Amino acid sequence: MGDMLIRGINPELKRRLEESARLNRRSLSEEAVVLIQKGFATQFAGAEKVGDRLYSLVGDDRFTSDEIQEIARSRSEADRGPPDFR
């Protein structure tokens, strides 16, 4: 594994990192690596395209032609009021 030296750390940031490392029972270096990994995971988690996410949910399922016709028909209907759940 490679090493990295980070200079110019704000004292408050260093204190928070030390506290986090202590709470998680990790060395300062281990805690920094974990937090950097989490940061990248969070940063790139939102990079997934919406279409890809939808496809991952529905897979190869498709609307049938009857369902598509029903959707088209419902679009031309007058708006309905909200349902009565009483």
PDB file of N, CA and C in Angstrom:
ATOM      1  N   MET A   1       0.835  -1.185   0.000  1.00  0.00           N
ATOM      2  CA  MET A   1       0.000   0.000   0.000  1.00  0.00           C
ATOM      3  C   MET A   1       0.875   1.242   0.000  1.00  0.00           C
ATOM      4  N   GLY A   2       0.352   2.271  -0.604  1.00  0.00           N
ATOM      5  CA  GLY A   2       1.082   3.524  -0.647  1.00  0.00           C
ATOM      6  C   GLY A   2       0.835   4.360   0.594  1.00  0.00           C
ATOM      7  N   ASP A   3       1.687   5.337   0.770  1.00  0.00           N
ATOM      8  CA  ASP A   3       1.561   6.270   1.889  1.00  0.00           C
ATOM      9  C   ASP A   3       1.223   7.647   1.355  1.00  0.00           C
ATOM     10  N   MET A   4       0.630   8.464   2.213  1.00  0.00           N
ATOM     11  CA  MET A   4       0.279   9.823   1.825  1.00  0.00           C
ATOM     12  C   MET A   4       0.483  10.737   3.024  1.00  0.00           C
ATOM     13  N   LEU A   5       1.053  11.884   2.767  1.00  0.00           N
ATOM     14  CA  LEU A   5       1.226  12.901   3.799  1.00  0.00           C
ATOM     15  C   LEU A   5       0.275  14.040   3.464  1.00  0.00           C
ATOM     16  N   ILE A   6      -0.544  14.412   4.411  1.00  0.00           N
ATOM     17  CA  ILE A   6      -1.481  15.517   4.194  1.00  0.00           C
ATOM     18  C   ILE A   6      -1.022  16.686   5.050  1.00  0.00           C
ATOM     19  N   ARG A   7      -0.746  17.798   4.396  1.00  0.00           N
ATOM     20  CA  ARG A   7      -0.265  18.984   5.108  1.00  0.00           C
ATOM     21  C   ARG A   7      -1.373  20.009   5.238  1.00  0.00           C
ATOM     22  N   GLY A   8      -1.180  20.890   6.185  1.00  0.00           N
ATOM     23  CA  GLY A   8      -2.091  22.023   6.328  1.00  0.00           C
ATOM     24  C   GLY A   8      -3.455  21.645   6.877  1.00  0.00           C
ATOM     25  N   ILE A   9      -3.521  20.611   7.715  1.00  0.00           N
ATOM     26  CA  ILE A   9      -4.796  20.206   8.310  1.00  0.00           C
ATOM     27  C   ILE A   9      -5.211  21.235   9.357  1.00  0.00           C
ATOM     28  N   ASN A  10      -6.422  21.680   9.261  1.00  0.00           N
ATOM     29  CA  ASN A  10      -6.990  22.592  10.248  1.00  0.00           C
ATOM     30  C   ASN A  10      -6.991  21.888  11.605  1.00  0.00           C
ATOM     31  N   PRO A  11      -6.577  22.561  12.682  1.00  0.00           N
ATOM     32  CA  PRO A  11      -6.529  21.914  14.005  1.00  0.00           C
ATOM     33  C   PRO A  11      -7.871  21.316  14.441  1.00  0.00           C
ATOM     34  N   GLU A  12      -8.959  21.972  14.131  1.00  0.00           N
ATOM     35  CA  GLU A  12     -10.280  21.446  14.501  1.00  0.00           C
ATOM     36  C   GLU A  12     -10.591  20.163  13.730  1.00  0.00           C
ATOM     37  N   LEU A  13     -10.242  20.140  12.458  1.00  0.00           N
ATOM     38  CA  LEU A  13     -10.452  18.936  11.654  1.00  0.00           C
ATOM     39  C   LEU A  13      -9.612  17.784  12.196  1.00  0.00           C
ATOM     40  N   LYS A  14      -8.377  18.075  12.566  1.00  0.00           N
ATOM     41  CA  LYS A  14      -7.505  17.039  13.128  1.00  0.00           C
ATOM     42  C   LYS A  14      -8.082  16.518  14.447  1.00  0.00           C
ATOM     43  N   ARG A  15      -8.594  17.409  15.267  1.00  0.00           N
ATOM     44  CA  ARG A  15      -9.183  16.997  16.537  1.00  0.00           C
ATOM     45  C   ARG A  15     -10.381  16.082  16.308  1.00  0.00           C
ATOM     46  N   ARG A  16     -11.220  16.455  15.333  1.00  0.00           N
ATOM     47  CA  ARG A  16     -12.392  15.633  15.022  1.00  0.00           C
ATOM     48  C   ARG A  16     -11.986  14.267  14.484  1.00  0.00           C
ATOM     49  N   LEU A  17     -10.958  14.239  13.662  1.00  0.00           N
ATOM     50  CA  LEU A  17     -10.449  12.976  13.128  1.00  0.00           C
ATOM     51  C   LEU A  17      -9.899  12.102  14.252  1.00  0.00           C
ATOM     52  N   GLU A  18      -9.161  12.713  15.160  1.00  0.00           N
ATOM     53  CA  GLU A  18      -8.617  11.972  16.305  1.00  0.00           C
ATOM     54  C   GLU A  18      -9.745  11.405  17.172  1.00  0.00           C
ATOM     55  N   GLU A  19     -10.757  12.202  17.400  1.00  0.00           N
ATOM     56  CA  GLU A  19     -11.897  11.758  18.214  1.00  0.00           C
ATOM     57  C   GLU A  19     -12.635  10.603  17.533  1.00  0.00           C
ATOM     58  N   SER A  20     -12.843  10.735  16.236  1.00  0.00           N
ATOM     59  CA  SER A  20     -13.513   9.678  15.480  1.00  0.00           C
ATOM     60  C   SER A  20     -12.692   8.389  15.503  1.00  0.00           C
ATOM     61  N   ALA A  21     -11.387   8.515  15.345  1.00  0.00           N
ATOM     62  CA  ALA A  21     -10.503   7.345  15.393  1.00  0.00           C
ATOM     63  C   ALA A  21     -10.574   6.684  16.762  1.00  0.00           C
ATOM     64  N   ARG A  22     -10.576   7.490  17.801  1.00  0.00           N
ATOM     65  CA  ARG A  22     -10.637   6.950  19.159  1.00  0.00           C
ATOM     66  C   ARG A  22     -11.951   6.206  19.379  1.00  0.00           C
ATOM     67  N   LEU A  23     -13.059   6.815  18.969  1.00  0.00           N
ATOM     68  CA  LEU A  23     -14.372   6.187  19.149  1.00  0.00           C
ATOM     69  C   LEU A  23     -14.504   4.878  18.367  1.00  0.00           C
ATOM     70  N   ASN A  24     -13.857   4.822  17.217  1.00  0.00           N
ATOM     71  CA  ASN A  24     -13.940   3.636  16.361  1.00  0.00           C
ATOM     72  C   ASN A  24     -12.783   2.661  16.585  1.00  0.00           C
ATOM     73  N   ARG A  25     -11.938   3.000  17.545  1.00  0.00           N
ATOM     74  CA  ARG A  25     -10.782   2.159  17.893  1.00  0.00           C
ATOM     75  C   ARG A  25      -9.906   1.862  16.686  1.00  0.00           C
ATOM     76  N   ARG A  26      -9.592   2.944  15.977  1.00  0.00           N
ATOM     77  CA  ARG A  26      -8.707   2.844  14.820  1.00  0.00           C
ATOM     78  C   ARG A  26      -7.565   3.823  15.001  1.00  0.00           C
ATOM     79  N   SER A  27      -6.505   3.571  14.265  1.00  0.00           N
ATOM     80  CA  SER A  27      -5.413   4.541  14.251  1.00  0.00           C
ATOM     81  C   SER A  27      -5.876   5.759  13.462  1.00  0.00           C
ATOM     82  N   LEU A  28      -5.135   6.834  13.591  1.00  0.00           N
ATOM     83  CA  LEU A  28      -5.460   8.054  12.856  1.00  0.00           C
ATOM     84  C   LEU A  28      -5.442   7.782  11.349  1.00  0.00           C
ATOM     85  N   SER A  29      -4.444   7.046  10.885  1.00  0.00           N
ATOM     86  CA  SER A  29      -4.342   6.718   9.459  1.00  0.00           C
ATOM     87  C   SER A  29      -5.503   5.841   9.006  1.00  0.00           C
ATOM     88  N   GLU A  30      -5.837   4.825   9.798  1.00  0.00           N
ATOM     89  CA  GLU A  30      -6.954   3.944   9.436  1.00  0.00           C
ATOM     90  C   GLU A  30      -8.263   4.728   9.354  1.00  0.00           C
ATOM     91  N   GLU A  31      -8.465   5.614  10.304  1.00  0.00           N
ATOM     92  CA  GLU A  31      -9.696   6.414  10.311  1.00  0.00           C
ATOM     93  C   GLU A  31      -9.751   7.328   9.095  1.00  0.00           C
ATOM     94  N   ALA A  32      -8.625   7.932   8.755  1.00  0.00           N
ATOM     95  CA  ALA A  32      -8.579   8.809   7.581  1.00  0.00           C
ATOM     96  C   ALA A  32      -8.920   8.024   6.318  1.00  0.00           C
ATOM     97  N   VAL A  33      -8.364   6.819   6.186  1.00  0.00           N
ATOM     98  CA  VAL A  33      -8.642   5.992   5.007  1.00  0.00           C
ATOM     99  C   VAL A  33     -10.128   5.636   4.947  1.00  0.00           C
ATOM    100  N   VAL A  34     -10.705   5.227   6.069  1.00  0.00           N
ATOM    101  CA  VAL A  34     -12.129   4.867   6.107  1.00  0.00           C
ATOM    102  C   VAL A  34     -12.994   6.062   5.702  1.00  0.00           C
ATOM    103  N   LEU A  35     -12.692   7.228   6.242  1.00  0.00           N
ATOM    104  CA  LEU A  35     -13.493   8.417   5.928  1.00  0.00           C
ATOM    105  C   LEU A  35     -13.331   8.844   4.470  1.00  0.00           C
ATOM    106  N   ILE A  36     -12.135   8.708   3.929  1.00  0.00           N
ATOM    107  CA  ILE A  36     -11.925   9.030   2.509  1.00  0.00           C
ATOM    108  C   ILE A  36     -12.726   8.058   1.643  1.00  0.00           C
ATOM    109  N   GLN A  37     -12.693   6.765   1.987  1.00  0.00           N
ATOM    110  CA  GLN A  37     -13.463   5.774   1.228  1.00  0.00           C
ATOM    111  C   GLN A  37     -14.957   6.071   1.295  1.00  0.00           C
ATOM    112  N   LYS A  38     -15.452   6.407   2.470  1.00  0.00           N
ATOM    113  CA  LYS A  38     -16.874   6.745   2.618  1.00  0.00           C
ATOM    114  C   LYS A  38     -17.223   7.984   1.802  1.00  0.00           C
ATOM    115  N   GLY A  39     -16.327   8.954   1.807  1.00  0.00           N
ATOM    116  CA  GLY A  39     -16.562  10.174   1.036  1.00  0.00           C
ATOM    117  C   GLY A  39     -16.689   9.891  -0.449  1.00  0.00           C
ATOM    118  N   PHE A  40     -15.797   9.059  -0.977  1.00  0.00           N
ATOM    119  CA  PHE A  40     -15.874   8.711  -2.391  1.00  0.00           C
ATOM    120  C   PHE A  40     -17.115   7.879  -2.688  1.00  0.00           C
ATOM    121  N   ALA A  41     -17.460   6.964  -1.794  1.00  0.00           N
ATOM    122  CA  ALA A  41     -18.654   6.142  -2.006  1.00  0.00           C
ATOM    123  C   ALA A  41     -19.895   7.020  -2.079  1.00  0.00           C
ATOM    124  N   THR A  42     -19.982   8.004  -1.200  1.00  0.00           N
ATOM    125  CA  THR A  42     -21.120   8.921  -1.185  1.00  0.00           C
ATOM    126  C   THR A  42     -21.120   9.801  -2.425  1.00  0.00           C
ATOM    127  N   GLN A  43     -19.958  10.286  -2.790  1.00  0.00           N
ATOM    128  CA  GLN A  43     -19.843  11.184  -3.938  1.00  0.00           C
ATOM    129  C   GLN A  43     -20.291  10.493  -5.217  1.00  0.00           C
ATOM    130  N   PHE A  44     -19.889   9.250  -5.395  1.00  0.00           N
ATOM    131  CA  PHE A  44     -20.189   8.566  -6.644  1.00  0.00           C
ATOM    132  C   PHE A  44     -21.490   7.782  -6.604  1.00  0.00           C
ATOM    133  N   ALA A  45     -22.103   7.660  -5.438  1.00  0.00           N
ATOM    134  CA  ALA A  45     -23.381   6.953  -5.344  1.00  0.00           C
ATOM    135  C   ALA A  45     -24.450   7.691  -6.137  1.00  0.00           C
ATOM    136  N   GLY A  46     -24.423   9.012  -6.098  1.00  0.00           N
ATOM    137  CA  GLY A  46     -25.404   9.811  -6.816  1.00  0.00           C
ATOM    138  C   GLY A  46     -25.113   9.934  -8.294  1.00  0.00           C
ATOM    139  N   ALA A  47     -23.974   9.402  -8.746  1.00  0.00           N
ATOM    140  CA  ALA A  47     -23.595   9.521 -10.143  1.00  0.00           C
ATOM    141  C   ALA A  47     -24.349   8.532 -11.028  1.00  0.00           C
ATOM    142  N   GLU A  48     -25.052   7.581 -10.410  1.00  0.00           N
ATOM    143  CA  GLU A  48     -25.804   6.606 -11.187  1.00  0.00           C
ATOM    144  C   GLU A  48     -26.917   7.332 -11.949  1.00  0.00           C
ATOM    145  N   LYS A  49     -27.064   6.998 -13.203  1.00  0.00           N
ATOM    146  CA  LYS A  49     -28.095   7.632 -14.015  1.00  0.00           C
ATOM    147  C   LYS A  49     -29.468   7.103 -13.615  1.00  0.00           C
ATOM    148  N   VAL A  50     -30.458   7.954 -13.697  1.00  0.00           N
ATOM    149  CA  VAL A  50     -31.813   7.591 -13.293  1.00  0.00           C
ATOM    150  C   VAL A  50     -32.319   6.407 -14.111  1.00  0.00           C
ATOM    151  N   GLY A  51     -32.077   6.426 -15.394  1.00  0.00           N
ATOM    152  CA  GLY A  51     -32.522   5.323 -16.242  1.00  0.00           C
ATOM    153  C   GLY A  51     -31.897   4.000 -15.834  1.00  0.00           C
ATOM    154  N   ASP A  52     -30.610   4.034 -15.495  1.00  0.00           N
ATOM    155  CA  ASP A  52     -29.930   2.816 -15.041  1.00  0.00           C
ATOM    156  C   ASP A  52     -30.539   2.318 -13.741  1.00  0.00           C
ATOM    157  N   ARG A  53     -30.872   3.240 -12.847  1.00  0.00           N
ATOM    158  CA  ARG A  53     -31.479   2.855 -11.573  1.00  0.00           C
ATOM    159  C   ARG A  53     -32.856   2.223 -11.804  1.00  0.00           C
ATOM    160  N   LEU A  54     -33.655   2.838 -12.666  1.00  0.00           N
ATOM    161  CA  LEU A  54     -34.972   2.278 -12.965  1.00  0.00           C
ATOM    162  C   LEU A  54     -34.850   0.894 -13.596  1.00  0.00           C
ATOM    163  N   TYR A  55     -33.916   0.760 -14.526  1.00  0.00           N
ATOM    164  CA  TYR A  55     -33.721  -0.534 -15.178  1.00  0.00           C
ATOM    165  C   TYR A  55     -33.305  -1.593 -14.164  1.00  0.00           C
ATOM    166  N   SER A  56     -32.481  -1.208 -13.189  1.00  0.00           N
ATOM    167  CA  SER A  56     -32.063  -2.178 -12.175  1.00  0.00           C
ATOM    168  C   SER A  56     -33.247  -2.636 -11.329  1.00  0.00           C
ATOM    169  N   LEU A  57     -34.265  -1.796 -11.218  1.00  0.00           N
ATOM    170  CA  LEU A  57     -35.445  -2.153 -10.434  1.00  0.00           C
ATOM    171  C   LEU A  57     -36.420  -3.036 -11.208  1.00  0.00           C
ATOM    172  N   VAL A  58     -36.602  -2.763 -12.499  1.00  0.00           N
ATOM    173  CA  VAL A  58     -37.606  -3.499 -13.266  1.00  0.00           C
ATOM    174  C   VAL A  58     -37.012  -4.567 -14.171  1.00  0.00           C
ATOM    175  N   GLY A  59     -35.723  -4.507 -14.417  1.00  0.00           N
ATOM    176  CA  GLY A  59     -35.080  -5.518 -15.256  1.00  0.00           C
ATOM    177  C   GLY A  59     -35.659  -5.531 -16.651  1.00  0.00           C
ATOM    178  N   ASP A  60     -35.992  -6.711 -17.120  1.00  0.00           N
ATOM    179  CA  ASP A  60     -36.506  -6.855 -18.480  1.00  0.00           C
ATOM    180  C   ASP A  60     -38.028  -6.818 -18.552  1.00  0.00           C
ATOM    181  N   ASP A  61     -38.694  -6.515 -17.437  1.00  0.00           N
ATOM    182  CA  ASP A  61     -40.156  -6.417 -17.450  1.00  0.00           C
ATOM    183  C   ASP A  61     -40.579  -5.244 -18.329  1.00  0.00           C
ATOM    184  N   ARG A  62     -41.615  -5.459 -19.101  1.00  0.00           N
ATOM    185  CA  ARG A  62     -42.128  -4.412 -19.987  1.00  0.00           C
ATOM    186  C   ARG A  62     -43.642  -4.351 -19.840  1.00  0.00           C
ATOM    187  N   PHE A  63     -44.218  -3.177 -20.180  1.00  0.00           N
ATOM    188  CA  PHE A  63     -45.669  -3.064 -20.228  1.00  0.00           C
ATOM    189  C   PHE A  63     -46.179  -3.909 -21.392  1.00  0.00           C
ATOM    190  N   THR A  64     -47.330  -4.510 -21.189  1.00  0.00           N
ATOM    191  CA  THR A  64     -47.975  -5.220 -22.298  1.00  0.00           C
ATOM    192  C   THR A  64     -48.654  -4.178 -23.174  1.00  0.00           C
ATOM    193  N   SER A  65     -49.026  -4.570 -24.376  1.00  0.00           N
ATOM    194  CA  SER A  65     -49.702  -3.616 -25.266  1.00  0.00           C
ATOM    195  C   SER A  65     -51.043  -3.193 -24.675  1.00  0.00           C
ATOM    196  N   ASP A  66     -51.716  -4.100 -23.963  1.00  0.00           N
ATOM    197  CA  ASP A  66     -52.979  -3.734 -23.307  1.00  0.00           C
ATOM    198  C   ASP A  66     -52.745  -2.662 -22.236  1.00  0.00           C
ATOM    199  N   GLU A  67     -51.673  -2.820 -21.469  1.00  0.00           N
ATOM    200  CA  GLU A  67     -51.361  -1.832 -20.429  1.00  0.00           C
ATOM    201  C   GLU A  67     -51.031  -0.475 -21.043  1.00  0.00           C
ATOM    202  N   ILE A  68     -50.297  -0.477 -22.133  1.00  0.00           N
ATOM    203  CA  ILE A  68     -49.949   0.783 -22.805  1.00  0.00           C
ATOM    204  C   ILE A  68     -51.206   1.463 -23.334  1.00  0.00           C
ATOM    205  N   GLN A  69     -52.131   0.684 -23.914  1.00  0.00           N
ATOM    206  CA  GLN A  69     -53.389   1.251 -24.410  1.00  0.00           C
ATOM    207  C   GLN A  69     -54.218   1.821 -23.262  1.00  0.00           C
ATOM    208  N   GLU A  70     -54.239   1.136 -22.128  1.00  0.00           N
ATOM    209  CA  GLU A  70     -54.989   1.613 -20.966  1.00  0.00           C
ATOM    210  C   GLU A  70     -54.393   2.917 -20.438  1.00  0.00           C
ATOM    211  N   ILE A  71     -53.079   3.012 -20.418  1.00  0.00           N
ATOM    212  CA  ILE A  71     -52.417   4.251 -19.983  1.00  0.00           C
ATOM    213  C   ILE A  71     -52.792   5.390 -20.921  1.00  0.00           C
ATOM    214  N   ALA A  72     -52.729   5.138 -22.223  1.00  0.00           N
ATOM    215  CA  ALA A  72     -53.079   6.167 -23.202  1.00  0.00           C
ATOM    216  C   ALA A  72     -54.535   6.599 -23.036  1.00  0.00           C
ATOM    217  N   ARG A  73     -55.433   5.632 -22.814  1.00  0.00           N
ATOM    218  CA  ARG A  73     -56.850   5.947 -22.631  1.00  0.00           C
ATOM    219  C   ARG A  73     -57.057   6.795 -21.381  1.00  0.00           C
ATOM    220  N   SER A  74     -56.379   6.442 -20.299  1.00  0.00           N
ATOM    221  CA  SER A  74     -56.579   7.172 -19.041  1.00  0.00           C
ATOM    222  C   SER A  74     -56.072   8.609 -19.130  1.00  0.00           C
ATOM    223  N   ARG A  75     -55.141   8.861 -20.019  1.00  0.00           N
ATOM    224  CA  ARG A  75     -54.617  10.227 -20.160  1.00  0.00           C
ATOM    225  C   ARG A  75     -55.642  11.179 -20.766  1.00  0.00           C
ATOM    226  N   SER A  76     -56.595  10.632 -21.516  1.00  0.00           N
ATOM    227  CA  SER A  76     -57.604  11.496 -22.140  1.00  0.00           C
ATOM    228  C   SER A  76     -58.864  11.627 -21.286  1.00  0.00           C
ATOM    229  N   GLU A  77     -58.928  10.922 -20.153  1.00  0.00           N
ATOM    230  CA  GLU A  77     -60.082  11.031 -19.260  1.00  0.00           C
ATOM    231  C   GLU A  77     -60.037  12.346 -18.492  1.00  0.00           C
ATOM    232  N   ALA A  78     -61.224  12.777 -18.077  1.00  0.00           N
ATOM    233  CA  ALA A  78     -61.278  13.970 -17.223  1.00  0.00           C
ATOM    234  C   ALA A  78     -60.613  13.643 -15.888  1.00  0.00           C
ATOM    235  N   ASP A  79     -60.057  14.658 -15.271  1.00  0.00           N
ATOM    236  CA  ASP A  79     -59.424  14.448 -13.968  1.00  0.00           C
ATOM    237  C   ASP A  79     -60.451  13.963 -12.964  1.00  0.00           C
ATOM    238  N   ARG A  80     -60.013  13.054 -12.121  1.00  0.00           N
ATOM    239  CA  ARG A  80     -60.893  12.528 -11.084  1.00  0.00           C
ATOM    240  C   ARG A  80     -60.557  13.196  -9.765  1.00  0.00           C
ATOM    241  N   GLY A  81     -61.543  13.223  -8.880  1.00  0.00           N
ATOM    242  CA  GLY A  81     -61.310  13.734  -7.537  1.00  0.00           C
ATOM    243  C   GLY A  81     -60.524  12.715  -6.729  1.00  0.00           C
ATOM    244  N   PRO A  82     -60.063  13.115  -5.579  1.00  0.00           N
ATOM    245  CA  PRO A  82     -59.323  12.179  -4.733  1.00  0.00           C
ATOM    246  C   PRO A  82     -60.250  11.086  -4.210  1.00  0.00           C
ATOM    247  N   PRO A  83     -59.733   9.905  -3.954  1.00  0.00           N
ATOM    248  CA  PRO A  83     -60.577   8.820  -3.448  1.00  0.00           C
ATOM    249  C   PRO A  83     -61.091   9.120  -2.048  1.00  0.00           C
ATOM    250  N   ASP A  84     -62.254   8.560  -1.741  1.00  0.00           N
ATOM    251  CA  ASP A  84     -62.849   8.718  -0.414  1.00  0.00           C
ATOM    252  C   ASP A  84     -62.521   7.472   0.402  1.00  0.00           C
ATOM    253  N   PHE A  85     -61.682   7.615   1.410  1.00  0.00           N
ATOM    254  CA  PHE A  85     -61.232   6.472   2.197  1.00  0.00           C
ATOM    255  C   PHE A  85     -62.068   6.242   3.452  1.00  0.00           C
ATOM    256  N   ARG A  86     -63.225   6.859   3.538  1.00  0.00           N
ATOM    257  CA  ARG A  86     -64.065   6.654   4.725  1.00  0.00           C
ATOM    258  C   ARG A  86     -64.700   5.318   4.750  1.00  0.00           C
TER     259      ARG A  86
END
